[in-house]
Amino acid sequence: MLKKLFGKAEVSIEAVIKSPVSGKYVDLTDIPDPTFSEKMMGDGFAVEPEEGKIVSPVNGKIVQIFPTKQAIGIKSEEGLDILIHIGLETISLKGTDFQVYVNEGDKVEAGDSLIEFSLDEVLQEAECAVTPVVFTEDSQVGKMVHEKVSDLIAGNTEVMTIMVKT
């Protein structure tokens, strides 16, 4: 899609975002943490996980793995910056019970395993296990279309389509 803006052509590329974890869809505004619910980090969605396995929601590249292993950053092949954050207040777990299968700079495809974690441990030790998926650069995000889904399967269920501004 092309649009003229101050004499320059603005191009948008469609990115399909799949669920990174199996579970129930949660609207970002329903998360009990204002950093996410008020979209301070960006827009997106969340999942109440039913298992402790995170997969890539897109084809792209790993750009950041947090030292505490509870969050990972991906740049989609369309250029969209995505943050997946496992649970709320999980930084206190200090990476215990998190197994990371990728490294910064690795290329990944939708459905590739990224992180496994103990869901029981997160449920016991953290505020909650809800996993936000946030598009951290507002300037990249154009039109967002949410699919009407509630039960999500990791790497399979298409949750939304985003027109990524390039």
C-alpha atoms as a PDB file:
ATOM      1  CA  MET A   1       0.000   0.000   0.000  1.00  0.00           C
ATOM      2  CA  LEU A   2       1.449   3.378  -1.029  1.00  0.00           C
ATOM      3  CA  LYS A   3       0.475   6.728   0.417  1.00  0.00           C
ATOM      4  CA  LYS A   4       2.068  10.109  -0.310  1.00  0.00           C
ATOM      5  CA  LEU A   5       3.223  11.969   2.774  1.00  0.00           C
ATOM      6  CA  PHE A   6       5.041  15.288   2.292  1.00  0.00           C
ATOM      7  CA  GLY A   7       6.202  14.237  -1.161  1.00  0.00           C
ATOM      8  CA  LYS A   8       7.509  10.859   0.017  1.00  0.00           C
ATOM      9  CA  ALA A   9       5.796   7.559  -0.660  1.00  0.00           C
ATOM     10  CA  GLU A  10       4.928   5.689   2.514  1.00  0.00           C
ATOM     11  CA  VAL A  11       4.858   1.922   2.004  1.00  0.00           C
ATOM     12  CA  SER A  12       3.063  -0.580   4.228  1.00  0.00           C
ATOM     13  CA  ILE A  13       3.692  -4.319   4.313  1.00  0.00           C
ATOM     14  CA  GLU A  14       1.211  -6.787   5.800  1.00  0.00           C
ATOM     15  CA  ALA A  15       2.476  -8.835   8.766  1.00  0.00           C
ATOM     16  CA  VAL A  16       0.469 -11.766  10.128  1.00  0.00           C
ATOM     17  CA  ILE A  17       1.033 -12.340  13.843  1.00  0.00           C
ATOM     18  CA  LYS A  18       0.450 -15.825  15.237  1.00  0.00           C
ATOM     19  CA  SER A  19       0.106 -16.725  18.886  1.00  0.00           C
ATOM     20  CA  PRO A  20       3.462 -17.400  20.568  1.00  0.00           C
ATOM     21  CA  VAL A  21       1.878 -19.623  23.229  1.00  0.00           C
ATOM     22  CA  SER A  22      -1.155 -21.883  23.533  1.00  0.00           C
ATOM     23  CA  GLY A  23      -3.877 -20.515  25.768  1.00  0.00           C
ATOM     24  CA  LYS A  24      -6.691 -17.973  25.959  1.00  0.00           C
ATOM     25  CA  TYR A  25      -6.649 -14.593  24.187  1.00  0.00           C
ATOM     26  CA  VAL A  26      -6.553 -11.595  26.553  1.00  0.00           C
ATOM     27  CA  ASP A  27      -7.108  -8.000  25.474  1.00  0.00           C
ATOM     28  CA  LEU A  28      -4.066  -5.915  26.393  1.00  0.00           C
ATOM     29  CA  THR A  29      -6.261  -3.432  28.283  1.00  0.00           C
ATOM     30  CA  ASP A  30      -7.385  -6.257  30.619  1.00  0.00           C
ATOM     31  CA  ILE A  31      -3.872  -6.991  31.925  1.00  0.00           C
ATOM     32  CA  PRO A  32      -3.438  -6.083  35.632  1.00  0.00           C
ATOM     33  CA  ASP A  33      -0.284  -4.033  34.941  1.00  0.00           C
ATOM     34  CA  PRO A  34      -0.540  -0.409  33.721  1.00  0.00           C
ATOM     35  CA  THR A  35       2.715  -0.651  31.760  1.00  0.00           C
ATOM     36  CA  PHE A  36       0.952  -3.049  29.403  1.00  0.00           C
ATOM     37  CA  SER A  37      -2.742  -2.223  29.862  1.00  0.00           C
ATOM     38  CA  GLU A  38      -2.184   1.487  29.217  1.00  0.00           C
ATOM     39  CA  LYS A  39      -0.004   0.560  26.213  1.00  0.00           C
ATOM     40  CA  MET A  40       3.059   2.406  27.530  1.00  0.00           C
ATOM     41  CA  MET A  41       5.254  -0.187  25.797  1.00  0.00           C
ATOM     42  CA  GLY A  42       3.079  -0.280  22.668  1.00  0.00           C
ATOM     43  CA  ASP A  43      -0.100  -1.901  21.388  1.00  0.00           C
ATOM     44  CA  GLY A  44      -0.633  -5.637  21.113  1.00  0.00           C
ATOM     45  CA  PHE A  45      -2.434  -8.503  22.821  1.00  0.00           C
ATOM     46  CA  ALA A  46      -1.814 -11.078  25.526  1.00  0.00           C
ATOM     47  CA  VAL A  47      -2.304 -14.777  26.162  1.00  0.00           C
ATOM     48  CA  GLU A  48      -3.175 -16.599  29.373  1.00  0.00           C
ATOM     49  CA  PRO A  49      -0.862 -19.583  28.770  1.00  0.00           C
ATOM     50  CA  GLU A  50      -1.916 -23.197  29.162  1.00  0.00           C
ATOM     51  CA  GLU A  51       1.634 -24.491  28.766  1.00  0.00           C
ATOM     52  CA  GLY A  52       5.173 -23.271  29.292  1.00  0.00           C
ATOM     53  CA  LYS A  53       6.362 -23.112  25.694  1.00  0.00           C
ATOM     54  CA  ILE A  54       6.938 -19.917  23.705  1.00  0.00           C
ATOM     55  CA  VAL A  55       7.348 -20.056  19.918  1.00  0.00           C
ATOM     56  CA  SER A  56       8.036 -17.357  17.378  1.00  0.00           C
ATOM     57  CA  PRO A  57       4.860 -15.571  16.239  1.00  0.00           C
ATOM     58  CA  VAL A  58       6.542 -14.464  12.982  1.00  0.00           C
ATOM     59  CA  ASN A  59       9.411 -15.083  10.621  1.00  0.00           C
ATOM     60  CA  GLY A  60      12.207 -12.784  11.724  1.00  0.00           C
ATOM     61  CA  LYS A  61      15.347 -12.285  13.773  1.00  0.00           C
ATOM     62  CA  ILE A  62      15.997 -12.436  17.525  1.00  0.00           C
ATOM     63  CA  VAL A  63      17.155  -8.959  18.550  1.00  0.00           C
ATOM     64  CA  GLN A  64      17.145  -9.248  22.336  1.00  0.00           C
ATOM     65  CA  ILE A  65      16.998 -11.866  25.052  1.00  0.00           C
ATOM     66  CA  PHE A  66      16.575 -10.384  28.500  1.00  0.00           C
ATOM     67  CA  PRO A  67      19.225 -11.603  31.010  1.00  0.00           C
ATOM     68  CA  THR A  68      16.422 -12.913  33.239  1.00  0.00           C
ATOM     69  CA  LYS A  69      15.075 -14.927  30.264  1.00  0.00           C
ATOM     70  CA  GLN A  70      11.421 -13.929  30.804  1.00  0.00           C
ATOM     71  CA  ALA A  71      11.283 -11.660  27.759  1.00  0.00           C
ATOM     72  CA  ILE A  72      12.486 -11.756  24.180  1.00  0.00           C
ATOM     73  CA  GLY A  73      12.557  -9.241  21.349  1.00  0.00           C
ATOM     74  CA  ILE A  74      12.015 -10.170  17.692  1.00  0.00           C
ATOM     75  CA  LYS A  75      12.154  -8.076  14.527  1.00  0.00           C
ATOM     76  CA  SER A  76       9.787  -9.555  11.958  1.00  0.00           C
ATOM     77  CA  GLU A  77      10.922  -9.861   8.355  1.00  0.00           C
ATOM     78  CA  GLU A  78       8.506  -6.990   7.633  1.00  0.00           C
ATOM     79  CA  GLY A  79      10.432  -4.808  10.127  1.00  0.00           C
ATOM     80  CA  LEU A  80       8.001  -4.949  13.062  1.00  0.00           C
ATOM     81  CA  ASP A  81       9.569  -4.885  16.560  1.00  0.00           C
ATOM     82  CA  ILE A  82       7.845  -7.399  18.864  1.00  0.00           C
ATOM     83  CA  LEU A  83       8.321  -7.987  22.586  1.00  0.00           C
ATOM     84  CA  ILE A  84       7.069 -11.206  24.209  1.00  0.00           C
ATOM     85  CA  HIS A  85       7.029 -10.946  28.014  1.00  0.00           C
ATOM     86  CA  ILE A  86       6.302 -14.135  29.972  1.00  0.00           C
ATOM     87  CA  GLY A  87       4.099 -13.329  32.946  1.00  0.00           C
ATOM     88  CA  LEU A  88       3.989 -10.225  35.132  1.00  0.00           C
ATOM     89  CA  GLU A  89       6.682  -9.500  37.705  1.00  0.00           C
ATOM     90  CA  THR A  90       8.611 -12.563  36.515  1.00  0.00           C
ATOM     91  CA  ILE A  91      11.907 -10.691  36.613  1.00  0.00           C
ATOM     92  CA  SER A  92      12.052 -11.768  40.274  1.00  0.00           C
ATOM     93  CA  LEU A  93      12.470 -15.394  39.123  1.00  0.00           C
ATOM     94  CA  LYS A  94      15.958 -14.402  37.858  1.00  0.00           C
ATOM     95  CA  GLY A  95      15.826 -16.789  34.901  1.00  0.00           C
ATOM     96  CA  THR A  96      15.354 -19.955  36.933  1.00  0.00           C
ATOM     97  CA  ASP A  97      13.097 -22.479  35.217  1.00  0.00           C
ATOM     98  CA  PHE A  98      13.479 -20.704  31.851  1.00  0.00           C
ATOM     99  CA  GLN A  99      15.261 -22.541  28.999  1.00  0.00           C
ATOM    100  CA  VAL A 100      16.120 -20.365  25.982  1.00  0.00           C
ATOM    101  CA  TYR A 101      16.633 -22.152  22.646  1.00  0.00           C
ATOM    102  CA  VAL A 102      17.806 -19.206  20.531  1.00  0.00           C
ATOM    103  CA  ASN A 103      20.511 -16.557  20.605  1.00  0.00           C
ATOM    104  CA  GLU A 104      20.499 -12.897  19.674  1.00  0.00           C
ATOM    105  CA  GLY A 105      20.965 -12.635  15.906  1.00  0.00           C
ATOM    106  CA  ASP A 106      19.332 -15.998  15.127  1.00  0.00           C
ATOM    107  CA  LYS A 107      16.816 -16.096  12.302  1.00  0.00           C
ATOM    108  CA  VAL A 108      13.536 -17.776  13.237  1.00  0.00           C
ATOM    109  CA  GLU A 109      10.371 -18.863  11.480  1.00  0.00           C
ATOM    110  CA  ALA A 110       6.863 -18.717  12.889  1.00  0.00           C
ATOM    111  CA  GLY A 111       6.430 -21.714  15.183  1.00  0.00           C
ATOM    112  CA  ASP A 112      10.130 -22.158  16.042  1.00  0.00           C
ATOM    113  CA  SER A 113      10.746 -22.876  19.748  1.00  0.00           C
ATOM    114  CA  LEU A 114      12.126 -19.869  21.619  1.00  0.00           C
ATOM    115  CA  ILE A 115      11.722 -20.469  25.357  1.00  0.00           C
ATOM    116  CA  GLU A 116      10.348 -23.141  27.651  1.00  0.00           C
ATOM    117  CA  PHE A 117       9.493 -22.375  31.253  1.00  0.00           C
ATOM    118  CA  SER A 118       7.831 -23.889  34.278  1.00  0.00           C
ATOM    119  CA  LEU A 119       4.257 -22.617  34.135  1.00  0.00           C
ATOM    120  CA  ASP A 120       3.700 -23.956  37.670  1.00  0.00           C
ATOM    121  CA  GLU A 121       6.662 -21.938  38.964  1.00  0.00           C
ATOM    122  CA  VAL A 122       5.481 -18.763  37.234  1.00  0.00           C
ATOM    123  CA  LEU A 123       1.954 -19.246  38.611  1.00  0.00           C
ATOM    124  CA  GLN A 124       3.343 -19.820  42.090  1.00  0.00           C
ATOM    125  CA  GLU A 125       5.988 -17.082  42.221  1.00  0.00           C
ATOM    126  CA  ALA A 126       4.850 -14.276  39.904  1.00  0.00           C
ATOM    127  CA  GLU A 127       1.889 -11.908  39.916  1.00  0.00           C
ATOM    128  CA  CYS A 128       0.325 -13.864  37.035  1.00  0.00           C
ATOM    129  CA  ALA A 129       1.315 -15.844  33.958  1.00  0.00           C
ATOM    130  CA  VAL A 130      -0.443 -13.705  31.330  1.00  0.00           C
ATOM    131  CA  THR A 131       1.995 -13.173  28.452  1.00  0.00           C
ATOM    132  CA  PRO A 132       1.854  -9.822  26.645  1.00  0.00           C
ATOM    133  CA  VAL A 133       2.871  -9.590  22.987  1.00  0.00           C
ATOM    134  CA  VAL A 134       3.637  -5.937  22.288  1.00  0.00           C
ATOM    135  CA  PHE A 135       4.617  -3.994  19.159  1.00  0.00           C
ATOM    136  CA  THR A 136       7.126  -1.627  20.722  1.00  0.00           C
ATOM    137  CA  GLU A 137       7.595   0.931  17.949  1.00  0.00           C
ATOM    138  CA  ASP A 138       4.318   2.816  17.438  1.00  0.00           C
ATOM    139  CA  SER A 139       5.733   4.512  14.333  1.00  0.00           C
ATOM    140  CA  GLN A 140       5.887   1.102  12.586  1.00  0.00           C
ATOM    141  CA  VAL A 141       2.290   0.121  13.305  1.00  0.00           C
ATOM    142  CA  GLY A 142      -0.393   1.042  10.797  1.00  0.00           C
ATOM    143  CA  LYS A 143      -3.828  -0.533  10.626  1.00  0.00           C
ATOM    144  CA  MET A 144      -4.281  -3.467  13.019  1.00  0.00           C
ATOM    145  CA  VAL A 145      -6.941  -6.094  12.384  1.00  0.00           C
ATOM    146  CA  HIS A 146      -7.698  -8.442  15.297  1.00  0.00           C
ATOM    147  CA  GLU A 147      -9.023 -11.875  14.441  1.00  0.00           C
ATOM    148  CA  LYS A 148     -12.008 -13.011  16.484  1.00  0.00           C
ATOM    149  CA  VAL A 149     -10.213 -15.783  18.357  1.00  0.00           C
ATOM    150  CA  SER A 150     -10.248 -16.930  21.962  1.00  0.00           C
ATOM    151  CA  ASP A 151      -8.538 -20.335  22.063  1.00  0.00           C
ATOM    152  CA  LEU A 152      -4.999 -19.992  20.718  1.00  0.00           C
ATOM    153  CA  ILE A 153      -2.564 -22.647  19.524  1.00  0.00           C
ATOM    154  CA  ALA A 154       1.112 -21.671  19.604  1.00  0.00           C
ATOM    155  CA  GLY A 155       2.529 -21.032  16.144  1.00  0.00           C
ATOM    156  CA  ASN A 156      -0.777 -21.791  14.402  1.00  0.00           C
ATOM    157  CA  THR A 157      -3.543 -19.385  15.412  1.00  0.00           C
ATOM    158  CA  GLU A 158      -3.444 -16.087  13.531  1.00  0.00           C
ATOM    159  CA  VAL A 159      -4.244 -13.418  16.115  1.00  0.00           C
ATOM    160  CA  MET A 160      -3.877 -10.250  14.069  1.00  0.00           C
ATOM    161  CA  THR A 161      -2.709  -8.661  10.866  1.00  0.00           C
ATOM    162  CA  ILE A 162      -0.755  -5.421  10.971  1.00  0.00           C
ATOM    163  CA  MET A 163       0.102  -3.031   8.182  1.00  0.00           C
ATOM    164  CA  VAL A 164       3.749  -2.291   8.964  1.00  0.00           C
ATOM    165  CA  LYS A 165       4.952   1.133   7.850  1.00  0.00           C
ATOM    166  CA  THR A 166       8.332   1.040   6.157  1.00  0.00           C
END
